[in-house]
C-alpha atoms as a PDB file:
ATOM      1  CA  UNK A   1       2.224  -6.476   9.697  1.00  0.00           C
ATOM      2  CA  UNK A   2      -0.658  -5.886   7.304  1.00  0.00           C
ATOM      3  CA  UNK A   3       1.256  -3.071   5.627  1.00  0.00           C
ATOM      4  CA  UNK A   4       4.402  -5.186   5.118  1.00  0.00           C
ATOM      5  CA  UNK A   5       2.393  -8.099   3.753  1.00  0.00           C
ATOM      6  CA  UNK A   6       0.504  -5.833   1.368  1.00  0.00           C
ATOM      7  CA  UNK A   7       3.659  -4.136   0.142  1.00  0.00           C
ATOM      8  CA  UNK A   8       5.645  -7.335  -0.373  1.00  0.00           C
ATOM      9  CA  UNK A   9       2.794  -9.139  -2.125  1.00  0.00           C
ATOM     10  CA  UNK A  10       2.063  -6.057  -4.182  1.00  0.00           C
ATOM     11  CA  UNK A  11       5.701  -5.703  -5.226  1.00  0.00           C
ATOM     12  CA  UNK A  12       5.972  -9.293  -6.446  1.00  0.00           C
ATOM     13  CA  UNK A  13       2.714  -9.068  -8.403  1.00  0.00           C
ATOM     14  CA  UNK A  14       3.590  -5.686  -9.817  1.00  0.00           C
ATOM     15  CA  UNK A  15       7.094  -6.633 -10.958  1.00  0.00           C
ATOM     16  CA  UNK A  16       5.631  -9.658 -12.721  1.00  0.00           C
ATOM     17  CA  UNK A  17       3.035  -7.444 -14.415  1.00  0.00           C
ATOM     18  CA  UNK A  18       5.530  -4.764 -15.443  1.00  0.00           C
ATOM     19  CA  UNK A  19       7.948  -7.290 -16.914  1.00  0.00           C
ATOM     20  CA  UNK A  20       5.535  -7.431 -19.830  1.00  0.00           C
ATOM     21  CA  UNK A  21       5.740  -3.643 -20.276  1.00  0.00           C
ATOM     22  CA  UNK A  22       7.626  -1.628 -22.821  1.00  0.00           C
ATOM     23  CA  UNK A  23      11.363  -1.891 -23.164  1.00  0.00           C
ATOM     24  CA  UNK A  24      13.378   0.730 -21.356  1.00  0.00           C
ATOM     25  CA  UNK A  25      15.232   3.366 -23.307  1.00  0.00           C
ATOM     26  CA  UNK A  26      18.995   3.252 -23.594  1.00  0.00           C
ATOM     27  CA  UNK A  27      21.459   5.297 -21.583  1.00  0.00           C
ATOM     28  CA  UNK A  28      22.068   6.086 -17.946  1.00  0.00           C
ATOM     29  CA  UNK A  29      19.201   6.990 -15.647  1.00  0.00           C
ATOM     30  CA  UNK A  30      18.785  10.741 -15.260  1.00  0.00           C
ATOM     31  CA  UNK A  31      17.886  12.605 -12.074  1.00  0.00           C
ATOM     32  CA  UNK A  32      14.547  13.511 -13.658  1.00  0.00           C
ATOM     33  CA  UNK A  33      13.777   9.825 -14.282  1.00  0.00           C
ATOM     34  CA  UNK A  34      14.772   8.939 -10.719  1.00  0.00           C
ATOM     35  CA  UNK A  35      12.522  11.726  -9.437  1.00  0.00           C
ATOM     36  CA  UNK A  36       9.604  10.404 -11.487  1.00  0.00           C
ATOM     37  CA  UNK A  37      10.160   6.886 -10.147  1.00  0.00           C
ATOM     38  CA  UNK A  38      10.527   8.157  -6.584  1.00  0.00           C
ATOM     39  CA  UNK A  39       7.287  10.115  -6.977  1.00  0.00           C
ATOM     40  CA  UNK A  40       5.446   6.937  -7.962  1.00  0.00           C
ATOM     41  CA  UNK A  41       6.903   5.101  -4.967  1.00  0.00           C
ATOM     42  CA  UNK A  42       5.983   7.886  -2.537  1.00  0.00           C
ATOM     43  CA  UNK A  43       2.469   8.238  -3.947  1.00  0.00           C
ATOM     44  CA  UNK A  44       1.969   4.477  -3.693  1.00  0.00           C
ATOM     45  CA  UNK A  45       3.289   4.437  -0.136  1.00  0.00           C
ATOM     46  CA  UNK A  46       0.888   7.237   0.808  1.00  0.00           C
ATOM     47  CA  UNK A  47      -1.979   5.319  -0.802  1.00  0.00           C
ATOM     48  CA  UNK A  48      -1.079   2.196   1.201  1.00  0.00           C
ATOM     49  CA  UNK A  49      -0.950   4.269   4.401  1.00  0.00           C
ATOM     50  CA  UNK A  50      -4.372   5.758   3.611  1.00  0.00           C
ATOM     51  CA  UNK A  51      -5.910   2.336   2.959  1.00  0.00           C
ATOM     52  CA  UNK A  52      -4.257   0.864   6.061  1.00  0.00           C
ATOM     53  CA  UNK A  53      -5.758   3.687   8.115  1.00  0.00           C
ATOM     54  CA  UNK A  54      -9.176   2.987   6.569  1.00  0.00           C
ATOM     55  CA  UNK A  55      -8.830  -0.662   7.601  1.00  0.00           C
ATOM     56  CA  UNK A  56      -7.741   0.324  11.094  1.00  0.00           C
ATOM     57  CA  UNK A  57     -10.758   2.621  11.428  1.00  0.00           C
ATOM     58  CA  UNK A  58     -13.074  -0.117  10.154  1.00  0.00           C
ATOM     59  CA  UNK A  59     -11.855  -2.318  12.985  1.00  0.00           C
ATOM     60  CA  UNK A  60     -11.659   0.212  15.802  1.00  0.00           C
ATOM     61  CA  UNK A  61     -14.842   2.148  14.991  1.00  0.00           C
ATOM     62  CA  UNK A  62     -17.058  -0.757  14.008  1.00  0.00           C
ATOM     63  CA  UNK A  63     -20.443  -0.463  15.710  1.00  0.00           C
ATOM     64  CA  UNK A  64     -21.040  -4.219  15.743  1.00  0.00           C
ATOM     65  CA  UNK A  65     -17.540  -5.369  16.685  1.00  0.00           C
ATOM     66  CA  UNK A  66     -16.791  -3.303  19.738  1.00  0.00           C
ATOM     67  CA  UNK A  67     -13.178  -2.312  19.120  1.00  0.00           C
ATOM     68  CA  UNK A  68      -9.880  -4.033  18.536  1.00  0.00           C
ATOM     69  CA  UNK A  69     -10.050  -6.478  21.440  1.00  0.00           C
ATOM     70  CA  UNK A  70     -13.287  -8.049  20.211  1.00  0.00           C
ATOM     71  CA  UNK A  71     -11.948  -8.022  16.634  1.00  0.00           C
ATOM     72  CA  UNK A  72      -8.887  -9.983  17.790  1.00  0.00           C
ATOM     73  CA  UNK A  73     -11.099 -12.419  19.690  1.00  0.00           C
ATOM     74  CA  UNK A  74     -13.205 -13.055  16.570  1.00  0.00           C
ATOM     75  CA  UNK A  75     -10.078 -13.298  14.429  1.00  0.00           C
ATOM     76  CA  UNK A  76      -8.630 -15.975  16.738  1.00  0.00           C
ATOM     77  CA  UNK A  77     -11.850 -18.001  16.566  1.00  0.00           C
ATOM     78  CA  UNK A  78     -12.584 -17.437  12.861  1.00  0.00           C
ATOM     79  CA  UNK A  79     -13.055 -20.633  10.901  1.00  0.00           C
ATOM     80  CA  UNK A  80     -13.509 -22.851  13.974  1.00  0.00           C
ATOM     81  CA  UNK A  81     -17.193 -23.201  14.847  1.00  0.00           C
ATOM     82  CA  UNK A  82     -16.455 -24.481  18.359  1.00  0.00           C
ATOM     83  CA  UNK A  83     -14.249 -21.472  19.122  1.00  0.00           C
ATOM     84  CA  UNK A  84     -16.799 -19.145  17.504  1.00  0.00           C
ATOM     85  CA  UNK A  85     -19.524 -20.552  19.771  1.00  0.00           C
ATOM     86  CA  UNK A  86     -17.262 -20.336  22.819  1.00  0.00           C
ATOM     87  CA  UNK A  87     -16.540 -16.676  22.011  1.00  0.00           C
ATOM     88  CA  UNK A  88     -20.291 -16.057  21.536  1.00  0.00           C
ATOM     89  CA  UNK A  89     -19.748 -14.572  18.076  1.00  0.00           C
ATOM     90  CA  UNK A  90     -23.107 -13.338  16.805  1.00  0.00           C
ATOM     91  CA  UNK A  91     -24.333 -13.436  13.213  1.00  0.00           C
ATOM     92  CA  UNK A  92     -24.020  -9.635  13.127  1.00  0.00           C
ATOM     93  CA  UNK A  93     -20.393  -9.876  14.248  1.00  0.00           C
ATOM     94  CA  UNK A  94     -19.713 -12.558  11.648  1.00  0.00           C
ATOM     95  CA  UNK A  95     -21.108 -10.296   8.919  1.00  0.00           C
ATOM     96  CA  UNK A  96     -19.142  -7.286  10.182  1.00  0.00           C
ATOM     97  CA  UNK A  97     -15.929  -9.315  10.424  1.00  0.00           C
ATOM     98  CA  UNK A  98     -16.482 -10.717   6.925  1.00  0.00           C
ATOM     99  CA  UNK A  99     -16.919  -7.163   5.590  1.00  0.00           C
ATOM    100  CA  UNK A 100     -13.577  -6.239   7.143  1.00  0.00           C
ATOM    101  CA  UNK A 101     -11.955  -9.346   5.626  1.00  0.00           C
ATOM    102  CA  UNK A 102     -13.429  -8.479   2.220  1.00  0.00           C
ATOM    103  CA  UNK A 103     -12.033  -4.944   2.422  1.00  0.00           C
ATOM    104  CA  UNK A 104      -8.661  -6.289   3.536  1.00  0.00           C
ATOM    105  CA  UNK A 105      -8.658  -8.851   0.730  1.00  0.00           C
ATOM    106  CA  UNK A 106      -9.311  -6.153  -1.849  1.00  0.00           C
ATOM    107  CA  UNK A 107      -6.484  -3.930  -0.617  1.00  0.00           C
ATOM    108  CA  UNK A 108      -3.740  -5.752  -2.477  1.00  0.00           C
ATOM    109  CA  UNK A 109      -5.508  -5.461  -5.826  1.00  0.00           C
ATOM    110  CA  UNK A 110      -6.422  -1.864  -5.046  1.00  0.00           C
ATOM    111  CA  UNK A 111      -2.743  -0.997  -4.548  1.00  0.00           C
ATOM    112  CA  UNK A 112      -1.712  -2.864  -7.710  1.00  0.00           C
ATOM    113  CA  UNK A 113      -4.389  -1.023  -9.693  1.00  0.00           C
ATOM    114  CA  UNK A 114      -3.382   2.334  -8.214  1.00  0.00           C
ATOM    115  CA  UNK A 115       0.315   1.937  -9.028  1.00  0.00           C
ATOM    116  CA  UNK A 116      -0.380   0.479 -12.463  1.00  0.00           C
ATOM    117  CA  UNK A 117      -2.567   3.480 -13.230  1.00  0.00           C
ATOM    118  CA  UNK A 118       0.179   5.867 -12.108  1.00  0.00           C
ATOM    119  CA  UNK A 119       2.592   4.213 -14.514  1.00  0.00           C
ATOM    120  CA  UNK A 120       0.350   3.577 -17.495  1.00  0.00           C
ATOM    121  CA  UNK A 121      -2.300   6.300 -17.435  1.00  0.00           C
ATOM    122  CA  UNK A 122      -0.831   9.368 -15.797  1.00  0.00           C
ATOM    123  CA  UNK A 123       1.676  12.122 -16.365  1.00  0.00           C
ATOM    124  CA  UNK A 124       3.797  10.991 -13.420  1.00  0.00           C
ATOM    125  CA  UNK A 125       6.001   8.509 -15.319  1.00  0.00           C
ATOM    126  CA  UNK A 126       5.950   6.417 -18.481  1.00  0.00           C
ATOM    127  CA  UNK A 127       6.193   2.634 -18.574  1.00  0.00           C
ATOM    128  CA  UNK A 128       9.524   2.818 -20.391  1.00  0.00           C
ATOM    129  CA  UNK A 129      11.043   5.180 -17.807  1.00  0.00           C
ATOM    130  CA  UNK A 130       9.676   3.055 -14.969  1.00  0.00           C
ATOM    131  CA  UNK A 131      11.231  -0.081 -16.460  1.00  0.00           C
ATOM    132  CA  UNK A 132      14.505   1.722 -17.186  1.00  0.00           C
ATOM    133  CA  UNK A 133      14.845   2.872 -13.569  1.00  0.00           C
ATOM    134  CA  UNK A 134      13.716  -0.525 -12.249  1.00  0.00           C
ATOM    135  CA  UNK A 135      16.446  -2.205 -14.296  1.00  0.00           C
ATOM    136  CA  UNK A 136      19.048   0.316 -13.172  1.00  0.00           C
ATOM    137  CA  UNK A 137      18.299  -0.105  -9.468  1.00  0.00           C
ATOM    138  CA  UNK A 138      18.574  -3.876  -9.807  1.00  0.00           C
ATOM    139  CA  UNK A 139      21.959  -3.628 -11.521  1.00  0.00           C
ATOM    140  CA  UNK A 140      23.591  -0.667  -9.775  1.00  0.00           C
ATOM    141  CA  UNK A 141      23.536  -0.352  -5.975  1.00  0.00           C
ATOM    142  CA  UNK A 142      24.546   3.318  -6.261  1.00  0.00           C
ATOM    143  CA  UNK A 143      21.397   4.097  -8.269  1.00  0.00           C
ATOM    144  CA  UNK A 144      19.302   2.204  -5.713  1.00  0.00           C
ATOM    145  CA  UNK A 145      20.920   4.140  -2.881  1.00  0.00           C
ATOM    146  CA  UNK A 146      20.322   7.457  -4.640  1.00  0.00           C
ATOM    147  CA  UNK A 147      16.684   6.505  -5.274  1.00  0.00           C
ATOM    148  CA  UNK A 148      16.164   5.446  -1.647  1.00  0.00           C
ATOM    149  CA  UNK A 149      17.558   8.793  -0.491  1.00  0.00           C
ATOM    150  CA  UNK A 150      15.220  10.656  -2.866  1.00  0.00           C
ATOM    151  CA  UNK A 151      12.230   8.685  -1.604  1.00  0.00           C
ATOM    152  CA  UNK A 152      13.095   9.382   2.036  1.00  0.00           C
ATOM    153  CA  UNK A 153      13.551  13.097   1.286  1.00  0.00           C
ATOM    154  CA  UNK A 154      10.205  13.235  -0.531  1.00  0.00           C
ATOM    155  CA  UNK A 155       8.461  11.451   2.333  1.00  0.00           C
ATOM    156  CA  UNK A 156      10.061  13.802   4.855  1.00  0.00           C
ATOM    157  CA  UNK A 157       8.961  16.828   2.823  1.00  0.00           C
ATOM    158  CA  UNK A 158       5.408  15.467   2.603  1.00  0.00           C
ATOM    159  CA  UNK A 159       5.198  14.635   6.323  1.00  0.00           C
ATOM    160  CA  UNK A 160       4.948  18.241   7.609  1.00  0.00           C
ATOM    161  CA  UNK A 161       2.165  18.934   5.104  1.00  0.00           C
ATOM    162  CA  UNK A 162       0.262  15.855   6.312  1.00  0.00           C
ATOM    163  CA  UNK A 163       0.792  16.871   9.952  1.00  0.00           C
ATOM    164  CA  UNK A 164      -0.572  20.324   9.136  1.00  0.00           C
ATOM    165  CA  UNK A 165      -3.675  18.797   7.572  1.00  0.00           C
ATOM    166  CA  UNK A 166      -4.201  16.618  10.635  1.00  0.00           C
ATOM    167  CA  UNK A 167      -3.867  19.652  12.899  1.00  0.00           C
ATOM    168  CA  UNK A 168      -6.475  21.503  10.843  1.00  0.00           C
ATOM    169  CA  UNK A 169      -8.810  18.503  11.006  1.00  0.00           C
ATOM    170  CA  UNK A 170      -8.456  18.454  14.779  1.00  0.00           C
ATOM    171  CA  UNK A 171      -9.697  22.043  15.207  1.00  0.00           C
END
């Protein structure tokens, strides 16, 4: 749920931001341009997964809030002093929960900043190529389908490498 909300909010904010970017170059989208765009999407997706895992760990491994069940109890009572008192939420738990909320609140901007940096300040893709591909996928379902396939293939190729890293960490 958190991941979907972050991604959808991020996408709307990002598209609005990028609409002010450079004009796309003329001509059909090349495979190289699609690959660059797909790389940005995969890298952003991996970043969101990493940040979502950080949030999950903040909740489950919090020393003050004893796991997910207590987190959910505090979340249900949050903002209602009577419910907070009934749930015996301590000042320490309030501070810990607020820290989690602050981290969660900063995630959206963190993702926007990350993707913006990939497009504007990296060698991954240029703003003009990004906008060109974005325009093409909006206008041509075949380009969108090809891009979606590329993204899925890139994610599948990255998954075994991530699983290998997790196996090494577990040693």
